[in-house]
């Protein structure tokens, strides 16, 4: 009896895996994961926000340097499971916080540098201006079409082509995997 149940469960699992595999192969089942194209567009749409975040972090550093770290409410008490005997001065805490913010700024700058490098590689393309107009200036497809004096569908086609080139530069491993899976 128990052996029959195991056979049924194993058969059901194998059948389910085969059905899912076949649905994916036929393109009828999509992953919830974002494609490299979608990730590239997300990076482009948020490019200005990344730069603003850096400025915000510099402001945080200035605030800490002028006013120190904001004090926590005295009604909030935190407990640690392991006793620590090191008591840090406010200046040490401020220095640590500033260092953490500076590291965060550097990480964001590195990401912006990668995006800038990928975009710079496309500068000679006759439709390059679509990228800054669409993603950095939030221009509509119709406004961009007027700028280029072409049909809006031409703008969509070239925007997709440029984003495809960018996705290869930004997410090459994922693009290769996507092509072959």
N, C-alpha and C. Protein backbone atom coordinates (compact mmCIF):
# COMPACT_ATOMS: atom_id res chain seq x y z
N UNK A 1 0.83 -1.20 0.00
CA UNK A 1 0.00 0.00 0.00
C UNK A 1 0.87 1.25 0.00
N UNK A 2 1.85 1.29 0.93
CA UNK A 2 2.73 2.46 1.03
C UNK A 2 3.56 2.60 -0.24
N UNK A 3 3.98 1.51 -0.82
CA UNK A 3 4.76 1.51 -2.05
C UNK A 3 3.93 2.07 -3.21
N UNK A 4 2.63 1.72 -3.25
CA UNK A 4 1.74 2.23 -4.30
C UNK A 4 1.59 3.74 -4.20
N UNK A 5 1.51 4.25 -2.98
CA UNK A 5 1.39 5.71 -2.77
C UNK A 5 2.66 6.40 -3.23
N UNK A 6 3.82 5.83 -2.95
CA UNK A 6 5.10 6.41 -3.38
C UNK A 6 5.19 6.46 -4.90
N UNK A 7 4.74 5.38 -5.55
CA UNK A 7 4.76 5.33 -7.02
C UNK A 7 3.84 6.40 -7.59
N UNK A 8 2.67 6.55 -7.01
CA UNK A 8 1.71 7.56 -7.48
C UNK A 8 2.28 8.96 -7.28
N UNK A 9 2.86 9.24 -6.11
CA UNK A 9 3.44 10.56 -5.84
C UNK A 9 4.60 10.86 -6.80
N UNK A 10 5.46 9.89 -7.00
CA UNK A 10 6.60 10.07 -7.91
C UNK A 10 6.12 10.33 -9.33
N UNK A 11 5.15 9.57 -9.77
CA UNK A 11 4.60 9.74 -11.12
C UNK A 11 3.95 11.12 -11.27
N UNK A 12 3.22 11.54 -10.26
CA UNK A 12 2.57 12.85 -10.30
C UNK A 12 3.60 13.97 -10.36
N UNK A 13 4.67 13.86 -9.58
CA UNK A 13 5.71 14.88 -9.59
C UNK A 13 6.43 14.94 -10.93
N UNK A 14 6.75 13.79 -11.48
CA UNK A 14 7.42 13.75 -12.78
C UNK A 14 6.53 14.32 -13.88
N UNK A 15 5.26 13.99 -13.84
CA UNK A 15 4.31 14.49 -14.83
C UNK A 15 4.18 16.01 -14.71
N UNK A 16 4.08 16.52 -13.49
CA UNK A 16 3.97 17.97 -13.29
C UNK A 16 5.20 18.68 -13.82
N UNK A 17 6.39 18.15 -13.55
CA UNK A 17 7.62 18.76 -14.04
C UNK A 17 7.66 18.77 -15.56
N UNK A 18 7.24 17.68 -16.18
CA UNK A 18 7.24 17.61 -17.64
C UNK A 18 6.25 18.60 -18.24
N UNK A 19 5.09 18.74 -17.64
CA UNK A 19 4.08 19.68 -18.13
C UNK A 19 4.60 21.11 -18.03
N UNK A 20 5.17 21.46 -16.87
CA UNK A 20 5.72 22.81 -16.68
C UNK A 20 6.84 23.06 -17.67
N UNK A 21 7.71 22.09 -17.84
CA UNK A 21 8.83 22.22 -18.79
C UNK A 21 8.32 22.45 -20.20
N UNK A 22 7.32 21.69 -20.61
CA UNK A 22 6.75 21.84 -21.96
C UNK A 22 6.05 23.19 -22.13
N UNK A 23 5.34 23.64 -21.11
CA UNK A 23 4.68 24.95 -21.19
C UNK A 23 5.71 26.07 -21.32
N UNK A 24 6.81 25.97 -20.58
CA UNK A 24 7.87 26.98 -20.69
C UNK A 24 8.50 26.94 -22.08
N UNK A 25 8.77 25.72 -22.58
CA UNK A 25 9.39 25.58 -23.89
C UNK A 25 8.52 26.21 -24.98
N UNK A 26 7.22 26.08 -24.85
CA UNK A 26 6.30 26.64 -25.83
C UNK A 26 6.01 28.12 -25.59
N UNK A 27 6.57 28.66 -24.53
CA UNK A 27 6.36 30.08 -24.23
C UNK A 27 5.02 30.38 -23.62
N UNK A 28 4.34 29.37 -23.13
CA UNK A 28 3.01 29.55 -22.54
C UNK A 28 3.06 29.81 -21.04
N UNK A 29 4.21 29.60 -20.43
CA UNK A 29 4.37 29.83 -19.01
C UNK A 29 5.54 30.77 -18.80
N UNK A 30 5.29 31.87 -18.15
CA UNK A 30 6.34 32.86 -17.95
C UNK A 30 6.83 32.85 -16.52
N UNK A 31 8.10 33.18 -16.38
CA UNK A 31 8.68 33.34 -15.04
C UNK A 31 8.25 34.68 -14.47
N UNK A 32 8.22 34.77 -13.16
CA UNK A 32 7.94 36.06 -12.52
C UNK A 32 9.18 36.93 -12.49
N UNK A 33 10.33 36.35 -12.82
CA UNK A 33 11.55 37.13 -12.83
C UNK A 33 11.53 38.12 -13.99
N UNK A 34 12.19 39.22 -13.77
CA UNK A 34 12.26 40.24 -14.81
C UNK A 34 13.34 39.89 -15.81
N UNK A 35 13.08 40.23 -17.05
CA UNK A 35 14.05 39.96 -18.10
C UNK A 35 15.16 41.00 -18.05
N UNK A 36 16.30 40.72 -18.70
CA UNK A 36 17.36 41.73 -18.78
C UNK A 36 16.87 43.03 -19.42
N UNK A 37 15.97 42.95 -20.38
CA UNK A 37 15.41 44.14 -21.01
C UNK A 37 14.67 44.98 -19.97
N UNK A 38 13.83 44.31 -19.16
CA UNK A 38 13.06 45.03 -18.13
C UNK A 38 13.99 45.62 -17.07
N UNK A 39 15.03 44.89 -16.70
CA UNK A 39 15.99 45.41 -15.73
C UNK A 39 16.71 46.63 -16.28
N UNK A 40 17.05 46.57 -17.56
CA UNK A 40 17.73 47.70 -18.19
C UNK A 40 16.83 48.93 -18.18
N UNK A 41 15.57 48.74 -18.53
CA UNK A 41 14.64 49.88 -18.50
C UNK A 41 14.48 50.42 -17.08
N UNK A 42 14.43 49.55 -16.10
CA UNK A 42 14.31 50.00 -14.70
C UNK A 42 15.52 50.85 -14.31
N UNK A 43 16.72 50.38 -14.70
CA UNK A 43 17.93 51.17 -14.42
C UNK A 43 17.85 52.54 -15.09
N UNK A 44 17.43 52.56 -16.34
CA UNK A 44 17.36 53.83 -17.07
C UNK A 44 16.32 54.77 -16.46
N UNK A 45 15.15 54.23 -16.14
CA UNK A 45 14.11 55.07 -15.54
C UNK A 45 14.55 55.63 -14.19
N UNK A 46 15.40 54.91 -13.46
CA UNK A 46 15.82 55.34 -12.13
C UNK A 46 17.17 56.03 -12.10
N UNK A 47 17.77 56.23 -13.24
CA UNK A 47 19.10 56.82 -13.33
C UNK A 47 19.17 58.16 -12.58
N UNK A 48 18.24 59.05 -12.85
CA UNK A 48 18.23 60.36 -12.16
C UNK A 48 18.01 60.19 -10.66
N UNK A 49 17.22 59.19 -10.27
CA UNK A 49 17.00 58.94 -8.85
C UNK A 49 18.28 58.48 -8.15
N UNK A 50 19.10 57.70 -8.87
CA UNK A 50 20.38 57.29 -8.29
C UNK A 50 21.25 58.50 -8.01
N UNK A 51 21.28 59.44 -8.96
CA UNK A 51 22.09 60.65 -8.77
C UNK A 51 21.53 61.49 -7.62
N UNK A 52 20.22 61.57 -7.53
CA UNK A 52 19.60 62.31 -6.42
C UNK A 52 19.90 61.65 -5.08
N UNK A 53 19.94 60.33 -5.07
CA UNK A 53 20.24 59.61 -3.83
C UNK A 53 21.64 59.95 -3.34
N UNK A 54 22.56 60.10 -4.26
CA UNK A 54 23.93 60.48 -3.87
C UNK A 54 23.92 61.85 -3.21
N UNK A 55 23.21 62.79 -3.81
CA UNK A 55 23.12 64.14 -3.22
C UNK A 55 22.46 64.10 -1.85
N UNK A 56 21.42 63.27 -1.70
CA UNK A 56 20.76 63.13 -0.40
C UNK A 56 21.72 62.57 0.65
N UNK A 57 22.55 61.64 0.24
CA UNK A 57 23.50 61.05 1.18
C UNK A 57 24.58 62.05 1.59
N UNK A 58 25.00 62.89 0.66
CA UNK A 58 25.94 63.95 1.02
C UNK A 58 25.30 64.90 2.03
N UNK A 59 24.03 65.19 1.87
CA UNK A 59 23.31 66.03 2.83
C UNK A 59 23.24 65.36 4.20
N UNK A 60 23.04 64.05 4.22
CA UNK A 60 23.03 63.32 5.49
C UNK A 60 24.37 63.46 6.19
N UNK A 61 25.45 63.36 5.42
CA UNK A 61 26.79 63.51 6.01
C UNK A 61 26.96 64.90 6.60
N UNK A 62 26.52 65.93 5.86
CA UNK A 62 26.63 67.30 6.37
C UNK A 62 25.83 67.47 7.66
N UNK A 63 24.64 66.89 7.69
CA UNK A 63 23.81 66.98 8.89
C UNK A 63 24.49 66.31 10.07
N UNK A 64 25.07 65.14 9.85
CA UNK A 64 25.76 64.44 10.94
C UNK A 64 26.97 65.24 11.40
N UNK A 65 27.69 65.84 10.47
CA UNK A 65 28.87 66.63 10.83
C UNK A 65 28.48 67.86 11.64
N UNK A 66 27.35 68.46 11.30
CA UNK A 66 26.92 69.69 12.00
C UNK A 66 26.16 69.40 13.30
N UNK A 67 25.28 68.40 13.26
CA UNK A 67 24.37 68.17 14.38
C UNK A 67 24.61 66.87 15.13
N UNK A 68 25.43 66.00 14.57
CA UNK A 68 25.63 64.68 15.16
C UNK A 68 24.53 63.73 14.72
N UNK A 69 24.61 62.51 15.24
CA UNK A 69 23.60 61.50 14.90
C UNK A 69 22.33 61.82 15.68
N UNK A 70 21.18 61.78 15.01
CA UNK A 70 19.92 62.05 15.73
C UNK A 70 19.74 61.06 16.88
N UNK A 71 19.30 61.56 18.00
CA UNK A 71 19.10 60.74 19.18
C UNK A 71 17.83 59.92 19.04
N UNK A 72 17.87 58.69 19.59
CA UNK A 72 16.68 57.85 19.60
C UNK A 72 15.78 58.29 20.75
N UNK A 73 14.52 57.98 20.60
CA UNK A 73 13.57 58.30 21.65
C UNK A 73 13.93 57.53 22.91
N UNK A 74 13.82 58.17 24.05
CA UNK A 74 14.15 57.50 25.31
C UNK A 74 13.12 56.43 25.66
N UNK A 75 11.97 56.45 25.00
CA UNK A 75 10.95 55.44 25.28
C UNK A 75 11.26 54.13 24.55
N UNK A 76 12.23 54.16 23.63
CA UNK A 76 12.62 52.94 22.91
C UNK A 76 13.89 52.41 23.54
N UNK A 77 13.82 51.20 23.99
CA UNK A 77 14.98 50.57 24.60
C UNK A 77 15.33 49.34 23.80
N UNK A 78 16.62 49.19 23.51
CA UNK A 78 17.04 47.99 22.79
C UNK A 78 17.90 47.14 23.70
N UNK A 79 17.74 45.85 23.55
CA UNK A 79 18.50 44.91 24.35
C UNK A 79 19.31 44.04 23.42
N UNK A 80 20.45 43.63 23.88
CA UNK A 80 21.32 42.76 23.11
C UNK A 80 21.40 41.42 23.81
N UNK A 81 21.46 40.35 23.02
CA UNK A 81 21.54 39.02 23.62
C UNK A 81 22.91 38.74 24.18
N UNK A 82 23.92 39.41 23.65
CA UNK A 82 25.27 39.23 24.19
C UNK A 82 25.74 40.55 24.77
N UNK A 83 26.28 40.52 25.95
CA UNK A 83 26.70 41.78 26.57
C UNK A 83 27.93 42.35 25.85
N UNK A 84 27.89 43.63 25.62
CA UNK A 84 29.04 44.31 25.04
C UNK A 84 29.52 45.34 26.04
N UNK A 85 30.82 45.41 26.14
CA UNK A 85 31.39 46.31 27.14
C UNK A 85 32.01 47.54 26.51
N UNK A 86 31.96 47.60 25.17
CA UNK A 86 32.54 48.75 24.48
C UNK A 86 31.48 49.84 24.37
N UNK A 87 31.79 50.97 24.90
CA UNK A 87 30.87 52.10 24.81
C UNK A 87 31.53 53.10 23.88
N UNK A 88 30.80 53.43 22.80
CA UNK A 88 31.35 54.34 21.79
C UNK A 88 30.89 55.76 22.08
N UNK A 89 31.78 56.67 21.82
CA UNK A 89 31.42 58.08 21.99
C UNK A 89 30.53 58.50 20.82
N UNK A 90 29.84 59.61 20.99
CA UNK A 90 29.00 60.13 19.92
C UNK A 90 29.82 60.44 18.68
N UNK A 91 31.04 60.91 18.88
CA UNK A 91 31.91 61.23 17.74
C UNK A 91 32.28 59.95 16.98
N UNK A 92 32.56 58.87 17.70
CA UNK A 92 32.88 57.59 17.05
C UNK A 92 31.67 57.06 16.27
N UNK A 93 30.50 57.17 16.90
CA UNK A 93 29.27 56.72 16.22
C UNK A 93 29.03 57.54 14.95
N UNK A 94 29.27 58.84 15.05
CA UNK A 94 29.08 59.72 13.89
C UNK A 94 30.07 59.35 12.78
N UNK A 95 31.32 59.11 13.16
CA UNK A 95 32.33 58.73 12.17
C UNK A 95 31.96 57.41 11.48
N UNK A 96 31.47 56.45 12.24
CA UNK A 96 31.07 55.17 11.66
C UNK A 96 29.89 55.34 10.70
N UNK A 97 28.93 56.15 11.10
CA UNK A 97 27.77 56.40 10.26
C UNK A 97 28.19 57.10 8.97
N UNK A 98 29.05 58.08 9.06
CA UNK A 98 29.55 58.80 7.88
C UNK A 98 30.30 57.85 6.96
N UNK A 99 31.11 56.99 7.55
CA UNK A 99 31.86 56.02 6.73
C UNK A 99 30.92 55.08 6.00
N UNK A 100 29.87 54.63 6.66
CA UNK A 100 28.89 53.75 6.03
C UNK A 100 28.18 54.46 4.88
N UNK A 101 27.83 55.73 5.09
CA UNK A 101 27.17 56.51 4.04
C UNK A 101 28.12 56.72 2.87
N UNK A 102 29.38 57.00 3.15
CA UNK A 102 30.37 57.20 2.08
C UNK A 102 30.56 55.92 1.27
N UNK A 103 30.54 54.77 1.93
CA UNK A 103 30.63 53.50 1.20
C UNK A 103 29.42 53.30 0.31
N UNK A 104 28.26 53.65 0.81
CA UNK A 104 27.03 53.55 0.03
C UNK A 104 27.08 54.47 -1.20
N UNK A 105 27.61 55.67 -1.00
CA UNK A 105 27.77 56.62 -2.11
C UNK A 105 28.68 56.02 -3.17
N UNK A 106 29.76 55.40 -2.74
CA UNK A 106 30.72 54.83 -3.69
C UNK A 106 30.09 53.69 -4.49
N UNK A 107 29.30 52.85 -3.83
CA UNK A 107 28.62 51.76 -4.53
C UNK A 107 27.67 52.32 -5.59
N UNK A 108 26.90 53.33 -5.21
CA UNK A 108 25.96 53.94 -6.16
C UNK A 108 26.72 54.59 -7.31
N UNK A 109 27.82 55.28 -7.01
CA UNK A 109 28.63 55.89 -8.08
C UNK A 109 29.18 54.83 -9.03
N UNK A 110 29.59 53.69 -8.49
CA UNK A 110 30.09 52.61 -9.35
C UNK A 110 29.00 52.12 -10.29
N UNK A 111 27.78 51.95 -9.77
CA UNK A 111 26.67 51.51 -10.62
C UNK A 111 26.37 52.56 -11.70
N UNK A 112 26.38 53.82 -11.31
CA UNK A 112 26.15 54.89 -12.30
C UNK A 112 27.24 54.86 -13.36
N UNK A 113 28.48 54.61 -12.94
CA UNK A 113 29.59 54.52 -13.89
C UNK A 113 29.39 53.40 -14.90
N UNK A 114 28.90 52.27 -14.44
CA UNK A 114 28.63 51.14 -15.35
C UNK A 114 27.54 51.53 -16.35
N UNK A 115 26.49 52.16 -15.86
CA UNK A 115 25.41 52.60 -16.75
C UNK A 115 25.93 53.63 -17.74
N UNK A 116 26.70 54.62 -17.25
CA UNK A 116 27.27 55.65 -18.13
C UNK A 116 28.14 55.03 -19.22
N UNK A 117 28.94 54.07 -18.84
CA UNK A 117 29.83 53.42 -19.81
C UNK A 117 29.03 52.70 -20.89
N UNK A 118 27.98 52.00 -20.50
CA UNK A 118 27.14 51.31 -21.47
C UNK A 118 26.45 52.30 -22.40
N UNK A 119 25.97 53.40 -21.83
CA UNK A 119 25.28 54.42 -22.64
C UNK A 119 26.26 55.10 -23.58
N UNK A 120 27.45 55.42 -23.08
CA UNK A 120 28.46 56.10 -23.91
C UNK A 120 28.82 55.29 -25.15
N UNK A 121 28.75 53.98 -25.05
CA UNK A 121 29.08 53.13 -26.19
C UNK A 121 28.08 53.31 -27.34
N UNK A 122 26.93 53.90 -27.04
CA UNK A 122 25.89 54.08 -28.06
C UNK A 122 25.84 55.50 -28.62
N UNK A 123 26.69 56.38 -28.16
CA UNK A 123 26.61 57.80 -28.51
C UNK A 123 26.64 58.08 -30.01
N UNK A 124 27.30 57.24 -30.79
CA UNK A 124 27.40 57.47 -32.23
C UNK A 124 26.16 57.02 -33.00
N UNK A 125 25.25 56.37 -32.31
CA UNK A 125 24.02 55.91 -32.98
C UNK A 125 23.17 57.12 -33.34
N UNK A 126 22.62 57.16 -34.56
CA UNK A 126 21.82 58.33 -34.96
C UNK A 126 20.57 58.55 -34.10
N UNK A 127 20.10 57.49 -33.44
CA UNK A 127 18.92 57.63 -32.60
C UNK A 127 19.28 57.60 -31.10
N UNK A 128 20.52 57.84 -30.78
CA UNK A 128 20.99 57.81 -29.40
C UNK A 128 20.14 58.68 -28.48
N UNK A 129 19.77 59.86 -28.94
CA UNK A 129 19.05 60.82 -28.09
C UNK A 129 17.72 60.29 -27.56
N UNK A 130 17.23 59.20 -28.14
CA UNK A 130 15.99 58.59 -27.62
C UNK A 130 16.19 58.22 -26.15
N UNK A 131 17.36 57.68 -25.82
CA UNK A 131 17.60 57.19 -24.44
C UNK A 131 17.48 58.32 -23.42
N UNK A 132 18.24 59.41 -23.55
CA UNK A 132 18.07 60.46 -22.53
C UNK A 132 16.69 61.12 -22.58
N UNK A 133 16.15 61.27 -23.77
CA UNK A 133 14.83 61.92 -23.85
C UNK A 133 13.76 61.07 -23.18
N UNK A 134 13.76 59.78 -23.45
CA UNK A 134 12.73 58.88 -22.91
C UNK A 134 12.92 58.63 -21.42
N UNK A 135 14.13 58.28 -21.02
CA UNK A 135 14.34 57.79 -19.66
C UNK A 135 14.78 58.86 -18.68
N UNK A 136 15.49 59.88 -19.13
CA UNK A 136 15.99 60.88 -18.20
C UNK A 136 15.14 62.14 -18.19
N UNK A 137 14.51 62.44 -19.32
CA UNK A 137 13.70 63.66 -19.43
C UNK A 137 12.20 63.35 -19.44
N UNK A 138 11.83 62.08 -19.43
CA UNK A 138 10.43 61.62 -19.41
C UNK A 138 9.61 62.14 -20.58
N UNK A 139 10.23 62.27 -21.74
CA UNK A 139 9.51 62.71 -22.93
C UNK A 139 8.65 61.56 -23.46
N UNK A 140 7.52 61.90 -24.03
CA UNK A 140 6.64 60.88 -24.60
C UNK A 140 7.19 60.40 -25.94
N UNK A 141 6.71 59.27 -26.38
CA UNK A 141 7.12 58.73 -27.67
C UNK A 141 6.77 59.70 -28.79
N UNK A 142 5.61 60.34 -28.69
CA UNK A 142 5.19 61.30 -29.72
C UNK A 142 6.08 62.54 -29.74
N UNK A 143 6.47 63.03 -28.57
CA UNK A 143 7.37 64.18 -28.51
C UNK A 143 8.73 63.85 -29.12
N UNK A 144 9.20 62.65 -28.84
CA UNK A 144 10.49 62.22 -29.40
C UNK A 144 10.37 62.06 -30.91
N UNK A 145 9.23 61.56 -31.38
CA UNK A 145 9.01 61.40 -32.82
C UNK A 145 9.02 62.75 -33.52
N UNK A 146 8.45 63.75 -32.90
CA UNK A 146 8.46 65.11 -33.48
C UNK A 146 9.89 65.62 -33.55
N UNK A 147 10.67 65.39 -32.49
CA UNK A 147 12.07 65.82 -32.46
C UNK A 147 12.85 65.21 -33.63
N UNK A 148 12.64 63.92 -33.88
CA UNK A 148 13.36 63.23 -34.95
C UNK A 148 12.68 63.35 -36.31
N UNK A 149 11.46 63.90 -36.32
CA UNK A 149 10.66 64.03 -37.54
C UNK A 149 10.43 62.67 -38.20
N UNK A 150 10.00 61.71 -37.36
CA UNK A 150 9.67 60.37 -37.83
C UNK A 150 8.38 59.93 -37.17
N UNK A 151 7.89 58.78 -37.59
CA UNK A 151 6.69 58.19 -37.02
C UNK A 151 6.98 57.67 -35.61
N UNK A 152 5.98 57.66 -34.75
CA UNK A 152 6.16 57.19 -33.37
C UNK A 152 6.57 55.72 -33.32
N UNK A 153 6.11 54.92 -34.28
CA UNK A 153 6.50 53.51 -34.30
C UNK A 153 7.99 53.36 -34.58
N UNK A 154 8.55 54.29 -35.35
CA UNK A 154 10.00 54.27 -35.61
C UNK A 154 10.75 54.52 -34.30
N UNK A 155 10.23 55.41 -33.49
CA UNK A 155 10.86 55.69 -32.19
C UNK A 155 10.81 54.45 -31.31
N UNK A 156 9.68 53.77 -31.26
CA UNK A 156 9.56 52.56 -30.46
C UNK A 156 10.54 51.49 -30.93
N UNK A 157 10.63 51.32 -32.21
CA UNK A 157 11.54 50.31 -32.77
C UNK A 157 13.00 50.61 -32.40
N UNK A 158 13.41 51.87 -32.56
CA UNK A 158 14.79 52.24 -32.25
C UNK A 158 15.06 52.26 -30.74
N UNK A 159 14.07 52.64 -29.97
CA UNK A 159 14.23 52.59 -28.51
C UNK A 159 14.47 51.16 -28.07
N UNK A 160 13.67 50.24 -28.57
CA UNK A 160 13.84 48.83 -28.23
C UNK A 160 15.20 48.30 -28.70
N UNK A 161 15.63 48.72 -29.86
CA UNK A 161 16.93 48.30 -30.38
C UNK A 161 18.05 48.80 -29.47
N UNK A 162 17.97 50.06 -29.07
CA UNK A 162 18.99 50.63 -28.19
C UNK A 162 18.99 49.97 -26.81
N UNK A 163 17.82 49.71 -26.28
CA UNK A 163 17.73 49.04 -24.97
C UNK A 163 18.27 47.61 -25.08
N UNK A 164 18.01 46.95 -26.20
CA UNK A 164 18.58 45.61 -26.42
C UNK A 164 20.10 45.66 -26.41
N UNK A 165 20.69 46.67 -27.03
CA UNK A 165 22.14 46.82 -27.01
C UNK A 165 22.64 47.09 -25.59
N UNK A 166 21.92 47.92 -24.87
CA UNK A 166 22.31 48.22 -23.49
C UNK A 166 22.19 46.99 -22.59
N UNK A 167 21.14 46.22 -22.78
CA UNK A 167 20.96 45.04 -21.92
C UNK A 167 22.11 44.06 -22.09
N UNK A 168 22.64 43.96 -23.30
CA UNK A 168 23.78 43.07 -23.52
C UNK A 168 25.00 43.59 -22.78
N UNK A 169 25.20 44.89 -22.77
CA UNK A 169 26.35 45.47 -22.06
C UNK A 169 26.18 45.38 -20.55
N UNK A 170 24.95 45.49 -20.06
CA UNK A 170 24.70 45.51 -18.62
C UNK A 170 24.46 44.12 -18.03
N UNK A 171 23.82 43.24 -18.79
CA UNK A 171 23.42 41.93 -18.28
C UNK A 171 23.77 40.82 -19.27
N UNK A 172 24.99 40.82 -19.78
CA UNK A 172 25.35 39.89 -20.86
C UNK A 172 25.12 38.42 -20.50
N UNK A 173 25.48 38.01 -19.29
CA UNK A 173 25.30 36.61 -18.92
C UNK A 173 23.83 36.22 -18.93
N UNK A 174 22.98 37.08 -18.41
CA UNK A 174 21.55 36.78 -18.38
C UNK A 174 20.95 36.75 -19.78
N UNK A 175 21.43 37.63 -20.66
CA UNK A 175 20.92 37.66 -22.04
C UNK A 175 21.29 36.35 -22.73
N UNK A 176 22.52 35.90 -22.55
CA UNK A 176 22.94 34.64 -23.17
C UNK A 176 22.09 33.49 -22.64
N UNK A 177 21.89 33.44 -21.33
CA UNK A 177 21.07 32.40 -20.74
C UNK A 177 19.65 32.44 -21.30
N UNK A 178 19.09 33.64 -21.43
CA UNK A 178 17.73 33.80 -21.94
C UNK A 178 17.62 33.30 -23.38
N UNK A 179 18.65 33.56 -24.18
CA UNK A 179 18.64 33.14 -25.57
C UNK A 179 18.64 31.62 -25.69
N UNK A 180 19.42 30.97 -24.84
CA UNK A 180 19.58 29.53 -24.95
C UNK A 180 18.65 28.71 -24.06
N UNK A 181 17.75 29.33 -23.35
CA UNK A 181 16.83 28.55 -22.52
C UNK A 181 15.43 28.61 -23.04
